[in-house]
Amino acid sequence: LQYTGGTTGVAKGAMLTHRNIVANLLQARAWLAHLDTDNEIIITALPLYHIFALTANCLTFMYLGGTNILITDPR
């Protein structure tokens, strides 16, 4: 279950399959194909239980071999 921000209503948990996450990572790889990912650094300030942060920050840059800096309390 992944947390959704509730943009279309009340915030809730949404079930995502492994296949869905893999498809998202392959899409992100296609978008970021022009980057030198071995040297890319990304700052992650969002909580990783939110699907955007988990996919766009954590999993994508781990998959591409970049460096991910996790800010545990962005305040």
N, C-alpha and C. Protein backbone atom coordinates (compact mmCIF):
# COMPACT_ATOMS: atom_id res chain seq x y z
N LEU A 1 0.84 -1.19 0.00
CA LEU A 1 0.00 0.00 0.00
C LEU A 1 0.88 1.24 0.00
N GLN A 2 0.51 2.20 -0.82
CA GLN A 2 1.21 3.47 -0.88
C GLN A 2 0.23 4.57 -0.51
N TYR A 3 0.73 5.59 0.17
CA TYR A 3 -0.08 6.72 0.57
C TYR A 3 -0.30 7.64 -0.62
N THR A 4 -1.54 8.07 -0.81
CA THR A 4 -1.84 9.07 -1.85
C THR A 4 -2.16 10.39 -1.16
N GLY A 5 -1.90 11.47 -1.83
CA GLY A 5 -2.11 12.78 -1.24
C GLY A 5 -3.55 13.22 -1.16
N GLY A 6 -4.45 12.47 -1.74
CA GLY A 6 -5.85 12.83 -1.66
C GLY A 6 -6.24 13.99 -2.55
N THR A 7 -5.59 14.15 -3.70
CA THR A 7 -5.90 15.29 -4.57
C THR A 7 -7.31 15.21 -5.13
N THR A 8 -7.88 14.03 -5.18
CA THR A 8 -9.25 13.89 -5.67
C THR A 8 -10.23 13.58 -4.54
N GLY A 9 -9.82 13.81 -3.33
CA GLY A 9 -10.68 13.51 -2.18
C GLY A 9 -9.84 13.29 -0.94
N VAL A 10 -10.32 12.43 -0.08
CA VAL A 10 -9.63 12.13 1.17
C VAL A 10 -8.36 11.32 0.89
N ALA A 11 -7.27 11.63 1.61
CA ALA A 11 -6.04 10.87 1.47
C ALA A 11 -6.29 9.41 1.84
N LYS A 12 -5.64 8.49 1.12
CA LYS A 12 -5.90 7.07 1.34
C LYS A 12 -4.71 6.23 0.91
N GLY A 13 -4.75 4.96 1.27
CA GLY A 13 -3.75 4.02 0.81
C GLY A 13 -4.19 3.42 -0.52
N ALA A 14 -3.26 3.26 -1.45
CA ALA A 14 -3.56 2.68 -2.76
C ALA A 14 -2.65 1.47 -2.97
N MET A 15 -3.22 0.38 -3.44
CA MET A 15 -2.43 -0.82 -3.67
C MET A 15 -1.76 -0.74 -5.03
N LEU A 16 -0.45 -0.92 -5.04
CA LEU A 16 0.31 -0.95 -6.29
C LEU A 16 0.97 -2.30 -6.42
N THR A 17 0.99 -2.81 -7.62
CA THR A 17 1.64 -4.10 -7.86
C THR A 17 3.12 -3.90 -8.16
N HIS A 18 3.89 -4.96 -8.03
CA HIS A 18 5.30 -4.92 -8.38
C HIS A 18 5.46 -4.55 -9.85
N ARG A 19 4.60 -5.08 -10.68
CA ARG A 19 4.64 -4.80 -12.12
C ARG A 19 4.44 -3.31 -12.40
N ASN A 20 3.55 -2.66 -11.65
CA ASN A 20 3.30 -1.24 -11.81
C ASN A 20 4.54 -0.42 -11.46
N ILE A 21 5.20 -0.77 -10.37
CA ILE A 21 6.41 -0.04 -9.95
C ILE A 21 7.52 -0.23 -10.99
N VAL A 22 7.69 -1.45 -11.49
CA VAL A 22 8.71 -1.71 -12.52
C VAL A 22 8.40 -0.90 -13.77
N ALA A 23 7.15 -0.84 -14.19
CA ALA A 23 6.77 -0.04 -15.36
C ALA A 23 7.10 1.43 -15.14
N ASN A 24 6.84 1.95 -13.94
CA ASN A 24 7.18 3.34 -13.63
C ASN A 24 8.68 3.59 -13.72
N LEU A 25 9.48 2.66 -13.24
CA LEU A 25 10.93 2.82 -13.30
C LEU A 25 11.43 2.80 -14.74
N LEU A 26 10.86 1.95 -15.56
CA LEU A 26 11.26 1.92 -16.98
C LEU A 26 10.87 3.21 -17.70
N GLN A 27 9.72 3.78 -17.34
CA GLN A 27 9.32 5.07 -17.91
C GLN A 27 10.28 6.17 -17.47
N ALA A 28 10.64 6.18 -16.20
CA ALA A 28 11.57 7.20 -15.69
C ALA A 28 12.93 7.07 -16.36
N ARG A 29 13.39 5.84 -16.57
CA ARG A 29 14.67 5.63 -17.25
C ARG A 29 14.63 6.23 -18.65
N ALA A 30 13.52 6.06 -19.36
CA ALA A 30 13.39 6.62 -20.71
C ALA A 30 13.42 8.15 -20.67
N TRP A 31 12.78 8.73 -19.67
CA TRP A 31 12.77 10.20 -19.55
C TRP A 31 14.15 10.75 -19.23
N LEU A 32 14.91 10.01 -18.43
CA LEU A 32 16.19 10.50 -17.93
C LEU A 32 17.38 9.93 -18.68
N ALA A 33 17.16 9.40 -19.86
CA ALA A 33 18.21 8.74 -20.63
C ALA A 33 19.38 9.68 -20.95
N HIS A 34 19.13 10.97 -21.00
CA HIS A 34 20.17 11.94 -21.35
C HIS A 34 21.10 12.29 -20.18
N LEU A 35 20.77 11.88 -18.97
CA LEU A 35 21.58 12.21 -17.80
C LEU A 35 22.78 11.28 -17.66
N ASP A 36 23.84 11.81 -17.07
CA ASP A 36 24.99 11.00 -16.67
C ASP A 36 24.70 10.53 -15.25
N THR A 37 23.91 9.48 -15.13
CA THR A 37 23.34 9.11 -13.84
C THR A 37 24.36 8.67 -12.81
N ASP A 38 25.54 8.25 -13.22
CA ASP A 38 26.55 7.89 -12.23
C ASP A 38 27.01 9.10 -11.42
N ASN A 39 26.80 10.29 -11.97
CA ASN A 39 27.23 11.51 -11.30
C ASN A 39 26.07 12.37 -10.83
N GLU A 40 24.84 11.91 -10.99
CA GLU A 40 23.67 12.70 -10.59
C GLU A 40 23.43 12.57 -9.08
N ILE A 41 23.05 13.69 -8.47
CA ILE A 41 22.70 13.73 -7.05
C ILE A 41 21.30 14.30 -6.94
N ILE A 42 20.46 13.65 -6.15
CA ILE A 42 19.09 14.13 -5.95
C ILE A 42 18.86 14.29 -4.45
N ILE A 43 18.15 15.35 -4.09
CA ILE A 43 17.77 15.60 -2.70
C ILE A 43 16.35 15.10 -2.52
N THR A 44 16.13 14.28 -1.50
CA THR A 44 14.80 13.76 -1.20
C THR A 44 14.33 14.33 0.12
N ALA A 45 13.34 15.22 0.03
CA ALA A 45 12.80 15.84 1.25
C ALA A 45 11.41 15.31 1.57
N LEU A 46 10.79 14.65 0.61
CA LEU A 46 9.44 14.11 0.83
C LEU A 46 9.54 12.78 1.57
N PRO A 47 8.51 12.42 2.33
CA PRO A 47 8.53 11.11 2.98
C PRO A 47 8.43 9.98 1.95
N LEU A 48 9.22 8.94 2.13
CA LEU A 48 9.28 7.86 1.14
C LEU A 48 8.06 6.96 1.16
N TYR A 49 7.15 7.13 2.12
CA TYR A 49 5.92 6.36 2.08
C TYR A 49 4.93 6.95 1.08
N HIS A 50 5.22 8.13 0.55
CA HIS A 50 4.39 8.72 -0.50
C HIS A 50 4.90 8.20 -1.84
N ILE A 51 4.01 7.79 -2.72
CA ILE A 51 4.40 7.12 -3.95
C ILE A 51 5.28 7.98 -4.85
N PHE A 52 5.06 9.29 -4.89
CA PHE A 52 5.91 10.13 -5.73
C PHE A 52 7.35 10.09 -5.25
N ALA A 53 7.57 10.28 -3.96
CA ALA A 53 8.93 10.27 -3.43
C ALA A 53 9.57 8.90 -3.58
N LEU A 54 8.81 7.85 -3.32
CA LEU A 54 9.36 6.50 -3.44
C LEU A 54 9.79 6.21 -4.86
N THR A 55 8.94 6.53 -5.84
CA THR A 55 9.25 6.22 -7.23
C THR A 55 10.23 7.23 -7.84
N ALA A 56 9.90 8.52 -7.76
CA ALA A 56 10.68 9.54 -8.46
C ALA A 56 12.03 9.80 -7.80
N ASN A 57 12.10 9.72 -6.50
CA ASN A 57 13.36 10.00 -5.82
C ASN A 57 14.14 8.74 -5.48
N CYS A 58 13.56 7.88 -4.70
CA CYS A 58 14.29 6.73 -4.17
C CYS A 58 14.58 5.67 -5.23
N LEU A 59 13.55 5.04 -5.74
CA LEU A 59 13.74 3.88 -6.63
C LEU A 59 14.38 4.26 -7.96
N THR A 60 13.97 5.38 -8.55
CA THR A 60 14.52 5.77 -9.86
C THR A 60 16.01 6.00 -9.77
N PHE A 61 16.46 6.76 -8.78
CA PHE A 61 17.88 7.06 -8.74
C PHE A 61 18.71 5.90 -8.21
N MET A 62 18.12 5.01 -7.42
CA MET A 62 18.83 3.77 -7.07
C MET A 62 19.00 2.92 -8.32
N TYR A 63 17.93 2.81 -9.10
CA TYR A 63 17.96 2.02 -10.33
C TYR A 63 18.99 2.57 -11.32
N LEU A 64 19.09 3.89 -11.42
CA LEU A 64 20.00 4.52 -12.37
C LEU A 64 21.42 4.66 -11.83
N GLY A 65 21.64 4.39 -10.56
CA GLY A 65 22.98 4.45 -9.99
C GLY A 65 23.39 5.83 -9.52
N GLY A 66 22.45 6.75 -9.36
CA GLY A 66 22.77 8.08 -8.86
C GLY A 66 22.87 8.10 -7.35
N THR A 67 23.16 9.26 -6.80
CA THR A 67 23.26 9.43 -5.35
C THR A 67 22.00 10.11 -4.86
N ASN A 68 21.43 9.58 -3.80
CA ASN A 68 20.19 10.10 -3.23
C ASN A 68 20.49 10.57 -1.81
N ILE A 69 20.29 11.85 -1.53
CA ILE A 69 20.50 12.39 -0.19
C ILE A 69 19.13 12.56 0.46
N LEU A 70 18.91 11.82 1.53
CA LEU A 70 17.63 11.84 2.22
C LEU A 70 17.67 12.87 3.34
N ILE A 71 16.75 13.84 3.28
CA ILE A 71 16.60 14.83 4.35
C ILE A 71 15.43 14.36 5.20
N THR A 72 15.74 13.90 6.40
CA THR A 72 14.70 13.29 7.24
C THR A 72 13.72 14.30 7.81
N ASP A 73 14.13 15.54 8.01
CA ASP A 73 13.23 16.57 8.51
C ASP A 73 13.50 17.86 7.75
N PRO A 74 12.79 18.10 6.65
CA PRO A 74 13.08 19.25 5.80
C PRO A 74 12.74 20.60 6.43
N ARG A 75 12.12 20.59 7.59
CA ARG A 75 11.83 21.88 8.24
C ARG A 75 13.09 22.47 8.77
